[in-house]
Structures are given as structure tokens and as C-alpha cells.
Amino acid sequence: MGEGAAVPGFPFGDWAAGRWRVGILLRRVRQGASLAITGLILTLGSATTHAHRGVDLPDSATEAGGGPTRSIAGWADFCRRMPDECHIDPTQPKVIPLTLAVWRTLRSVNARVNARIKPMTDQAHWGVTDRWDFPDDGFGDCEDYQLLKRRMLAERGLPRRALLMTVVIDEINEGHAVLTVRTDRGDFILDNKTDEIRPWKSVPYAFIKRAGQESAAWVSLEEDAGGGRAEGARVATAEP
């Protein structure tokens, strides 16, 4: 039988038409599967985007800075008792690269300490007007919250040199302490009054001074040479 000869009694036309229909069906199935996979990828990508919206990095902020000034007496006493907490390591960076992981860590530590520590004045806690210490018994005032946050962030690998104790005059004209975190996106403030971490220019405070990054001397942050609101401070935390 020669090549290509028809087989007697075999319905070749019907067989060929059947193969053609099967081929079309297979192509449609493959196209449908491809579209389904593409849709799944797009859906997963959208879900990932939405999942990260709650922890997006903040916009860049400015940096706070000024000339040298003397430190707070409470900080000096704290450093005498705990020198390792105040040692300045010149090999550490002055600013922290603000990655998404670092931002999550800052938010977590700030919220955890704010929730864990109960407010208590130094007079009620220690019997003195101003004492800087870790609130390991679960009680403390503003600077104690920030000292604990600083310690916890250092334990998580952030450089102490970029975690700076800072004193301000708050919205009710009283002395207050916050923690300044210096990053490559600007200076951000951790505060026991809020779980929100804000750029320093966005908080409703007058900044007085903060710990230095080069020596034991602090850095003045006052915008007006006369001291402005600092003269009305009613607590030792924000002593001018």
C-alpha cells in the first residue's frame, strides 16, 4: 500500500475533522489556564501591595541640630550609675538606614513600652524631683519610658549613637522627654504620649536639647536664644 493511500472503509474525513476539533479544544484549554495563572499572579501581587500599606515607610523628615550645651543633671547621674548605656562608640553610624524592617521595629517597641509601663512621677516613685532610670518595676515617668525604648532598640541591633534622649517643652508648657531616632530619612520622635512615630517638626513641642553623638556634651535645639518657652518649664526634665 503506497504512502498516503486511503484505507478502504475508514472514514478519513470524519477522523480529520475530529482531530481538528480536539486541537482547537486543547488550545482553548491552554489559553484558559494561562489566563487563570496570570490572574492569580496579579491577585497575589495586589494582595501583597495592600498588606504592606499598613507599614509603609514615612516621608522623609528634616534633621534637628545645634551647638553644644551641658547635659541634663538626671542624665549625668544616670550615666554615672550606668556608664555602658552612655558610652559613645565612634564606630557606630550616626544615622540608621530606615528600612521597612527598622520601621516595624520602631513602631513595635514604641507601642509595647507605652502599653507596658504605668505613669508615675519621680517624686512618688523615688522620692526625688528628677531621676532617670529604667522602669523595670513597671512604673516610670517620661524619660524612663524613653530609656527603656532605647535599651530595647539597642538590644535589637540599632546603634545607640543614633538613639538620642531629648528634652522638650510640651503642649501644656511642661518639661518632657522623648527619644529622637536619627535616620537617613530624617529625625523621628518616639513618645510615651502617643504610639504614632512622627517627624520631629510635626510634634507640638518646643525642642530644648538632646544627647550628643560625639561626646558627653549635649546639643542645643532651641530656636530662640532667649530660651523662649524653656523659661516657663515647671519640671526638672527640661531644665534650660
C-alpha atoms as a PDB file:
ATOM      1  CA  MET A   1       0.000   0.000   0.000  1.00  0.00           C
ATOM      2  CA  GLY A   2       1.508   3.308  -1.040  1.00  0.00           C
ATOM      3  CA  GLU A   3       2.163   6.156   1.387  1.00  0.00           C
ATOM      4  CA  GLY A   4      -0.867   8.333   1.862  1.00  0.00           C
ATOM      5  CA  ALA A   5      -3.279   5.824   0.345  1.00  0.00           C
ATOM      6  CA  ALA A   6      -6.720   5.725   1.846  1.00  0.00           C
ATOM      7  CA  VAL A   7      -7.761   2.723   3.914  1.00  0.00           C
ATOM      8  CA  PRO A   8     -10.852   1.112   2.401  1.00  0.00           C
ATOM      9  CA  GLY A   9     -13.911   1.588   4.613  1.00  0.00           C
ATOM     10  CA  PHE A  10     -12.099   4.072   7.011  1.00  0.00           C
ATOM     11  CA  PRO A  11     -13.963   7.428   7.455  1.00  0.00           C
ATOM     12  CA  PHE A  12     -10.872   9.586   6.999  1.00  0.00           C
ATOM     13  CA  GLY A  13     -12.842  12.832   6.649  1.00  0.00           C
ATOM     14  CA  ASP A  14     -14.601  12.366   9.985  1.00  0.00           C
ATOM     15  CA  TRP A  15     -11.325  11.402  11.710  1.00  0.00           C
ATOM     16  CA  ALA A  16      -9.524  14.538  10.422  1.00  0.00           C
ATOM     17  CA  ALA A  17     -12.407  16.779  11.474  1.00  0.00           C
ATOM     18  CA  GLY A  18     -12.320  15.209  14.921  1.00  0.00           C
ATOM     19  CA  ARG A  19      -8.590  15.858  15.284  1.00  0.00           C
ATOM     20  CA  TRP A  20      -9.134  19.482  14.242  1.00  0.00           C
ATOM     21  CA  ARG A  21     -11.861  19.954  16.843  1.00  0.00           C
ATOM     22  CA  VAL A  22      -9.691  18.339  19.557  1.00  0.00           C
ATOM     23  CA  GLY A  23      -6.774  20.611  18.627  1.00  0.00           C
ATOM     24  CA  ILE A  24      -8.949  23.711  18.979  1.00  0.00           C
ATOM     25  CA  LEU A  25     -10.257  22.465  22.337  1.00  0.00           C
ATOM     26  CA  LEU A  26      -6.724  21.858  23.648  1.00  0.00           C
ATOM     27  CA  ARG A  27      -5.597  25.337  22.563  1.00  0.00           C
ATOM     28  CA  ARG A  28      -8.579  26.889  24.343  1.00  0.00           C
ATOM     29  CA  VAL A  29      -7.809  24.911  27.497  1.00  0.00           C
ATOM     30  CA  ARG A  30      -4.174  26.056  27.407  1.00  0.00           C
ATOM     31  CA  GLN A  31      -5.226  29.689  26.849  1.00  0.00           C
ATOM     32  CA  GLY A  32      -7.711  29.461  29.718  1.00  0.00           C
ATOM     33  CA  ALA A  33      -5.062  28.029  32.047  1.00  0.00           C
ATOM     34  CA  SER A  34      -2.605  30.749  31.055  1.00  0.00           C
ATOM     35  CA  LEU A  35      -5.179  33.473  31.754  1.00  0.00           C
ATOM     36  CA  ALA A  36      -6.031  31.884  35.107  1.00  0.00           C
ATOM     37  CA  ILE A  37      -2.363  31.803  36.157  1.00  0.00           C
ATOM     38  CA  THR A  38      -1.885  35.417  35.064  1.00  0.00           C
ATOM     39  CA  GLY A  39      -4.959  36.442  37.050  1.00  0.00           C
ATOM     40  CA  LEU A  40      -3.663  34.623  40.126  1.00  0.00           C
ATOM     41  CA  ILE A  41      -0.291  36.366  39.899  1.00  0.00           C
ATOM     42  CA  LEU A  42      -1.965  39.776  39.570  1.00  0.00           C
ATOM     43  CA  THR A  43      -4.257  38.998  42.509  1.00  0.00           C
ATOM     44  CA  LEU A  44      -1.348  37.912  44.711  1.00  0.00           C
ATOM     45  CA  GLY A  45       0.619  40.994  43.724  1.00  0.00           C
ATOM     46  CA  SER A  46      -2.306  43.222  44.639  1.00  0.00           C
ATOM     47  CA  ALA A  47      -2.737  41.431  47.974  1.00  0.00           C
ATOM     48  CA  THR A  48       0.961  41.903  48.771  1.00  0.00           C
ATOM     49  CA  THR A  49       0.711  45.606  47.979  1.00  0.00           C
ATOM     50  CA  HIS A  50      -2.314  46.005  50.232  1.00  0.00           C
ATOM     51  CA  ALA A  51      -0.636  44.026  53.006  1.00  0.00           C
ATOM     52  CA  HIS A  52       2.303  46.454  53.076  1.00  0.00           C
ATOM     53  CA  ARG A  53       0.214  49.630  53.096  1.00  0.00           C
ATOM     54  CA  GLY A  54      -0.141  49.497  56.873  1.00  0.00           C
ATOM     55  CA  VAL A  55       3.619  49.569  57.382  1.00  0.00           C
ATOM     56  CA  ASP A  56       4.766  51.881  54.601  1.00  0.00           C
ATOM     57  CA  LEU A  57       7.846  53.932  55.334  1.00  0.00           C
ATOM     58  CA  PRO A  58       7.182  57.548  56.286  1.00  0.00           C
ATOM     59  CA  ASP A  59       8.056  60.507  54.116  1.00  0.00           C
ATOM     60  CA  SER A  60      11.493  61.978  54.630  1.00  0.00           C
ATOM     61  CA  ALA A  61      11.839  64.420  57.518  1.00  0.00           C
ATOM     62  CA  THR A  62      14.354  67.142  58.315  1.00  0.00           C
ATOM     63  CA  GLU A  63      17.136  66.817  60.869  1.00  0.00           C
ATOM     64  CA  ALA A  64      17.374  68.663  64.170  1.00  0.00           C
ATOM     65  CA  GLY A  65      20.708  70.060  65.275  1.00  0.00           C
ATOM     66  CA  GLY A  66      22.522  72.899  67.012  1.00  0.00           C
ATOM     67  CA  GLY A  67      25.529  73.873  69.124  1.00  0.00           C
ATOM     68  CA  PRO A  68      26.919  72.104  72.207  1.00  0.00           C
ATOM     69  CA  THR A  69      25.354  72.625  75.622  1.00  0.00           C
ATOM     70  CA  ARG A  70      25.531  70.974  79.043  1.00  0.00           C
ATOM     71  CA  SER A  71      23.619  67.775  79.639  1.00  0.00           C
ATOM     72  CA  ILE A  72      20.622  67.242  81.891  1.00  0.00           C
ATOM     73  CA  ALA A  73      21.535  66.561  85.541  1.00  0.00           C
ATOM     74  CA  GLY A  74      19.332  63.458  85.574  1.00  0.00           C
ATOM     75  CA  TRP A  75      21.143  62.088  82.514  1.00  0.00           C
ATOM     76  CA  ALA A  76      24.558  62.809  84.042  1.00  0.00           C
ATOM     77  CA  ASP A  77      23.549  60.919  87.195  1.00  0.00           C
ATOM     78  CA  PHE A  78      22.168  58.032  85.106  1.00  0.00           C
ATOM     79  CA  CYS A  79      25.473  57.843  83.217  1.00  0.00           C
ATOM     80  CA  ARG A  80      27.457  57.716  86.459  1.00  0.00           C
ATOM     81  CA  ARG A  81      25.400  54.727  87.547  1.00  0.00           C
ATOM     82  CA  MET A  82      25.243  53.036  84.128  1.00  0.00           C
ATOM     83  CA  PRO A  83      28.248  54.161  82.076  1.00  0.00           C
ATOM     84  CA  ASP A  84      27.802  51.458  79.432  1.00  0.00           C
ATOM     85  CA  GLU A  85      24.443  52.986  78.484  1.00  0.00           C
ATOM     86  CA  CYS A  86      26.080  56.329  77.795  1.00  0.00           C
ATOM     87  CA  HIS A  87      29.328  55.244  76.140  1.00  0.00           C
ATOM     88  CA  ILE A  88      29.689  56.741  72.662  1.00  0.00           C
ATOM     89  CA  ASP A  89      31.123  54.271  70.173  1.00  0.00           C
ATOM     90  CA  PRO A  90      32.636  56.289  67.287  1.00  0.00           C
ATOM     91  CA  THR A  91      32.494  53.221  65.042  1.00  0.00           C
ATOM     92  CA  GLN A  92      28.706  53.209  65.176  1.00  0.00           C
ATOM     93  CA  PRO A  93      26.785  55.122  62.498  1.00  0.00           C
ATOM     94  CA  LYS A  94      25.182  58.447  63.369  1.00  0.00           C
ATOM     95  CA  VAL A  95      22.084  57.671  61.322  1.00  0.00           C
ATOM     96  CA  ILE A  96      20.125  54.465  60.760  1.00  0.00           C
ATOM     97  CA  PRO A  97      19.056  53.331  57.277  1.00  0.00           C
ATOM     98  CA  LEU A  98      15.281  53.406  57.655  1.00  0.00           C
ATOM     99  CA  THR A  99      14.251  50.121  56.092  1.00  0.00           C
ATOM    100  CA  LEU A 100      10.779  48.640  56.404  1.00  0.00           C
ATOM    101  CA  ALA A 101      12.114  46.175  58.997  1.00  0.00           C
ATOM    102  CA  VAL A 102      13.597  49.001  61.097  1.00  0.00           C
ATOM    103  CA  TRP A 103      10.346  50.975  60.855  1.00  0.00           C
ATOM    104  CA  ARG A 104       8.372  47.969  62.089  1.00  0.00           C
ATOM    105  CA  THR A 105      10.811  47.571  64.990  1.00  0.00           C
ATOM    106  CA  LEU A 106      10.477  51.224  65.993  1.00  0.00           C
ATOM    107  CA  ARG A 107       6.692  51.040  65.922  1.00  0.00           C
ATOM    108  CA  SER A 108       6.588  47.776  67.852  1.00  0.00           C
ATOM    109  CA  VAL A 109       8.954  48.892  70.621  1.00  0.00           C
ATOM    110  CA  ASN A 110       7.269  52.267  70.991  1.00  0.00           C
ATOM    111  CA  ALA A 111       3.803  50.730  71.345  1.00  0.00           C
ATOM    112  CA  ARG A 112       4.937  47.892  73.640  1.00  0.00           C
ATOM    113  CA  VAL A 113       6.676  50.173  76.129  1.00  0.00           C
ATOM    114  CA  ASN A 114       3.824  52.676  76.100  1.00  0.00           C
ATOM    115  CA  ALA A 115       1.384  49.875  76.930  1.00  0.00           C
ATOM    116  CA  ARG A 116       3.573  48.099  79.488  1.00  0.00           C
ATOM    117  CA  ILE A 117       4.723  50.997  81.715  1.00  0.00           C
ATOM    118  CA  LYS A 118       2.350  52.817  84.033  1.00  0.00           C
ATOM    119  CA  PRO A 119       2.988  56.541  84.603  1.00  0.00           C
ATOM    120  CA  MET A 120       4.364  57.617  87.972  1.00  0.00           C
ATOM    121  CA  THR A 121       6.215  60.781  88.920  1.00  0.00           C
ATOM    122  CA  ASP A 122       9.786  60.610  90.191  1.00  0.00           C
ATOM    123  CA  GLN A 123       8.651  62.119  93.480  1.00  0.00           C
ATOM    124  CA  ALA A 124       6.158  59.298  94.022  1.00  0.00           C
ATOM    125  CA  HIS A 125       8.473  56.650  92.609  1.00  0.00           C
ATOM    126  CA  TRP A 126      11.885  57.585  94.015  1.00  0.00           C
ATOM    127  CA  GLY A 127      11.178  60.377  96.455  1.00  0.00           C
ATOM    128  CA  VAL A 128      13.175  62.911  94.392  1.00  0.00           C
ATOM    129  CA  THR A 129      12.233  65.583  91.883  1.00  0.00           C
ATOM    130  CA  ASP A 130      14.058  64.081  88.907  1.00  0.00           C
ATOM    131  CA  ARG A 131      15.671  60.662  88.494  1.00  0.00           C
ATOM    132  CA  TRP A 132      16.456  58.954  85.181  1.00  0.00           C
ATOM    133  CA  ASP A 133      16.239  55.172  85.402  1.00  0.00           C
ATOM    134  CA  PHE A 134      14.841  52.071  83.744  1.00  0.00           C
ATOM    135  CA  PRO A 135      11.218  51.368  84.721  1.00  0.00           C
ATOM    136  CA  ASP A 136      11.939  47.710  85.404  1.00  0.00           C
ATOM    137  CA  ASP A 137       9.258  47.594  88.113  1.00  0.00           C
ATOM    138  CA  GLY A 138       6.629  48.671  85.572  1.00  0.00           C
ATOM    139  CA  PHE A 139       6.402  52.319  86.664  1.00  0.00           C
ATOM    140  CA  GLY A 140       8.113  55.470  85.461  1.00  0.00           C
ATOM    141  CA  ASP A 141       7.807  58.927  84.005  1.00  0.00           C
ATOM    142  CA  CYS A 142       8.542  60.183  80.502  1.00  0.00           C
ATOM    143  CA  GLU A 143      12.338  59.799  80.438  1.00  0.00           C
ATOM    144  CA  ASP A 144      12.089  56.289  81.899  1.00  0.00           C
ATOM    145  CA  TYR A 145       9.844  55.187  79.019  1.00  0.00           C
ATOM    146  CA  GLN A 146      12.390  56.517  76.533  1.00  0.00           C
ATOM    147  CA  LEU A 147      15.365  54.932  78.306  1.00  0.00           C
ATOM    148  CA  LEU A 148      13.654  51.552  78.095  1.00  0.00           C
ATOM    149  CA  LYS A 149      12.846  52.044  74.403  1.00  0.00           C
ATOM    150  CA  ARG A 150      16.459  52.993  73.774  1.00  0.00           C
ATOM    151  CA  ARG A 151      17.701  49.858  75.546  1.00  0.00           C
ATOM    152  CA  MET A 152      15.264  47.593  73.704  1.00  0.00           C
ATOM    153  CA  LEU A 153      16.167  49.071  70.315  1.00  0.00           C
ATOM    154  CA  ALA A 154      19.873  48.625  71.057  1.00  0.00           C
ATOM    155  CA  GLU A 155      19.178  45.005  72.004  1.00  0.00           C
ATOM    156  CA  ARG A 156      17.588  44.615  68.586  1.00  0.00           C
ATOM    157  CA  GLY A 157      20.731  45.788  66.850  1.00  0.00           C
ATOM    158  CA  LEU A 158      20.159  49.529  66.379  1.00  0.00           C
ATOM    159  CA  PRO A 159      23.138  51.767  67.241  1.00  0.00           C
ATOM    160  CA  ARG A 160      22.820  53.751  70.481  1.00  0.00           C
ATOM    161  CA  ARG A 161      24.665  56.588  68.784  1.00  0.00           C
ATOM    162  CA  ALA A 162      21.562  57.231  66.671  1.00  0.00           C
ATOM    163  CA  LEU A 163      19.103  56.861  69.588  1.00  0.00           C
ATOM    164  CA  LEU A 164      19.165  60.192  71.401  1.00  0.00           C
ATOM    165  CA  MET A 165      17.448  61.225  74.605  1.00  0.00           C
ATOM    166  CA  THR A 166      15.799  64.594  74.014  1.00  0.00           C
ATOM    167  CA  VAL A 167      14.099  67.141  76.262  1.00  0.00           C
ATOM    168  CA  VAL A 168      11.305  69.443  75.148  1.00  0.00           C
ATOM    169  CA  ILE A 169       8.614  71.746  76.459  1.00  0.00           C
ATOM    170  CA  ASP A 170       5.287  70.077  75.738  1.00  0.00           C
ATOM    171  CA  GLU A 171       1.915  71.423  74.686  1.00  0.00           C
ATOM    172  CA  ILE A 172       0.995  72.348  78.274  1.00  0.00           C
ATOM    173  CA  ASN A 173       4.306  74.153  78.892  1.00  0.00           C
ATOM    174  CA  GLU A 174       5.866  71.409  80.995  1.00  0.00           C
ATOM    175  CA  GLY A 175       9.173  69.627  80.648  1.00  0.00           C
ATOM    176  CA  HIS A 176       9.003  66.352  78.787  1.00  0.00           C
ATOM    177  CA  ALA A 177      11.442  63.743  77.437  1.00  0.00           C
ATOM    178  CA  VAL A 178      11.226  61.926  74.106  1.00  0.00           C
ATOM    179  CA  LEU A 179      13.546  59.684  72.106  1.00  0.00           C
ATOM    180  CA  THR A 180      14.941  61.014  68.833  1.00  0.00           C
ATOM    181  CA  VAL A 181      15.859  58.381  66.253  1.00  0.00           C
ATOM    182  CA  ARG A 182      18.206  59.727  63.590  1.00  0.00           C
ATOM    183  CA  THR A 183      17.706  58.055  60.212  1.00  0.00           C
ATOM    184  CA  ASP A 184      18.657  58.571  56.604  1.00  0.00           C
ATOM    185  CA  ARG A 185      15.094  59.843  56.130  1.00  0.00           C
ATOM    186  CA  GLY A 186      15.366  62.438  58.907  1.00  0.00           C
ATOM    187  CA  ASP A 187      14.782  62.595  62.669  1.00  0.00           C
ATOM    188  CA  PHE A 188      11.750  60.821  64.132  1.00  0.00           C
ATOM    189  CA  ILE A 189      10.288  61.009  67.647  1.00  0.00           C
ATOM    190  CA  LEU A 190       9.220  58.173  69.956  1.00  0.00           C
ATOM    191  CA  ASP A 191       6.931  59.491  72.671  1.00  0.00           C
ATOM    192  CA  ASN A 192       5.073  57.910  75.595  1.00  0.00           C
ATOM    193  CA  LYS A 193       2.104  60.196  74.875  1.00  0.00           C
ATOM    194  CA  THR A 194       1.355  58.516  71.546  1.00  0.00           C
ATOM    195  CA  ASP A 195       2.056  55.301  69.666  1.00  0.00           C
ATOM    196  CA  GLU A 196       2.452  57.333  66.487  1.00  0.00           C
ATOM    197  CA  ILE A 197       6.059  57.959  65.435  1.00  0.00           C
ATOM    198  CA  ARG A 198       6.317  61.428  63.948  1.00  0.00           C
ATOM    199  CA  PRO A 199       8.949  63.613  62.290  1.00  0.00           C
ATOM    200  CA  TRP A 200      10.353  65.971  64.899  1.00  0.00           C
ATOM    201  CA  LYS A 201       8.918  69.009  63.111  1.00  0.00           C
ATOM    202  CA  SER A 202       5.416  67.514  63.362  1.00  0.00           C
ATOM    203  CA  VAL A 203       5.226  67.199  67.158  1.00  0.00           C
ATOM    204  CA  PRO A 204       3.612  70.044  69.146  1.00  0.00           C
ATOM    205  CA  TYR A 205       6.678  70.674  71.317  1.00  0.00           C
ATOM    206  CA  ALA A 206       9.449  73.245  71.699  1.00  0.00           C
ATOM    207  CA  PHE A 207      12.739  71.366  71.468  1.00  0.00           C
ATOM    208  CA  ILE A 208      15.358  72.285  74.074  1.00  0.00           C
ATOM    209  CA  LYS A 209      18.313  69.901  73.786  1.00  0.00           C
ATOM    210  CA  ARG A 210      19.302  66.334  73.029  1.00  0.00           C
ATOM    211  CA  ALA A 211      22.176  63.966  73.757  1.00  0.00           C
ATOM    212  CA  GLY A 212      25.256  64.433  71.598  1.00  0.00           C
ATOM    213  CA  GLN A 213      26.784  61.967  69.161  1.00  0.00           C
ATOM    214  CA  GLU A 214      30.421  62.970  69.569  1.00  0.00           C
ATOM    215  CA  SER A 215      30.944  63.480  73.317  1.00  0.00           C
ATOM    216  CA  ALA A 216      29.193  63.784  76.674  1.00  0.00           C
ATOM    217  CA  ALA A 217      28.092  67.311  75.717  1.00  0.00           C
ATOM    218  CA  TRP A 218      24.512  67.671  74.594  1.00  0.00           C
ATOM    219  CA  VAL A 219      23.254  69.634  71.572  1.00  0.00           C
ATOM    220  CA  SER A 220      21.065  72.726  71.888  1.00  0.00           C
ATOM    221  CA  LEU A 221      17.867  72.686  69.829  1.00  0.00           C
ATOM    222  CA  GLU A 222      16.387  75.990  70.964  1.00  0.00           C
ATOM    223  CA  GLU A 223      15.319  78.211  68.126  1.00  0.00           C
ATOM    224  CA  ASP A 224      15.398  81.401  70.129  1.00  0.00           C
ATOM    225  CA  ALA A 225      18.480  82.427  72.073  1.00  0.00           C
ATOM    226  CA  GLY A 226      16.443  83.725  74.985  1.00  0.00           C
ATOM    227  CA  GLY A 227      15.121  80.277  75.804  1.00  0.00           C
ATOM    228  CA  GLY A 228      11.518  81.126  74.916  1.00  0.00           C
ATOM    229  CA  ARG A 229       9.155  78.622  76.483  1.00  0.00           C
ATOM    230  CA  ALA A 230      12.008  76.923  78.324  1.00  0.00           C
ATOM    231  CA  GLU A 231      11.914  79.706  80.913  1.00  0.00           C
ATOM    232  CA  GLY A 232       8.399  78.576  81.919  1.00  0.00           C
ATOM    233  CA  ALA A 233       9.227  74.882  82.307  1.00  0.00           C
ATOM    234  CA  ARG A 234       7.816  73.561  85.562  1.00  0.00           C
ATOM    235  CA  VAL A 235       9.754  70.288  85.864  1.00  0.00           C
ATOM    236  CA  ALA A 236      13.428  69.487  86.071  1.00  0.00           C
ATOM    237  CA  THR A 237      13.401  67.246  82.999  1.00  0.00           C
ATOM    238  CA  ALA A 238      13.539  70.274  80.726  1.00  0.00           C
ATOM    239  CA  GLU A 239      15.905  72.399  82.756  1.00  0.00           C
ATOM    240  CA  PRO A 240      17.457  75.045  80.461  1.00  0.00           C
END
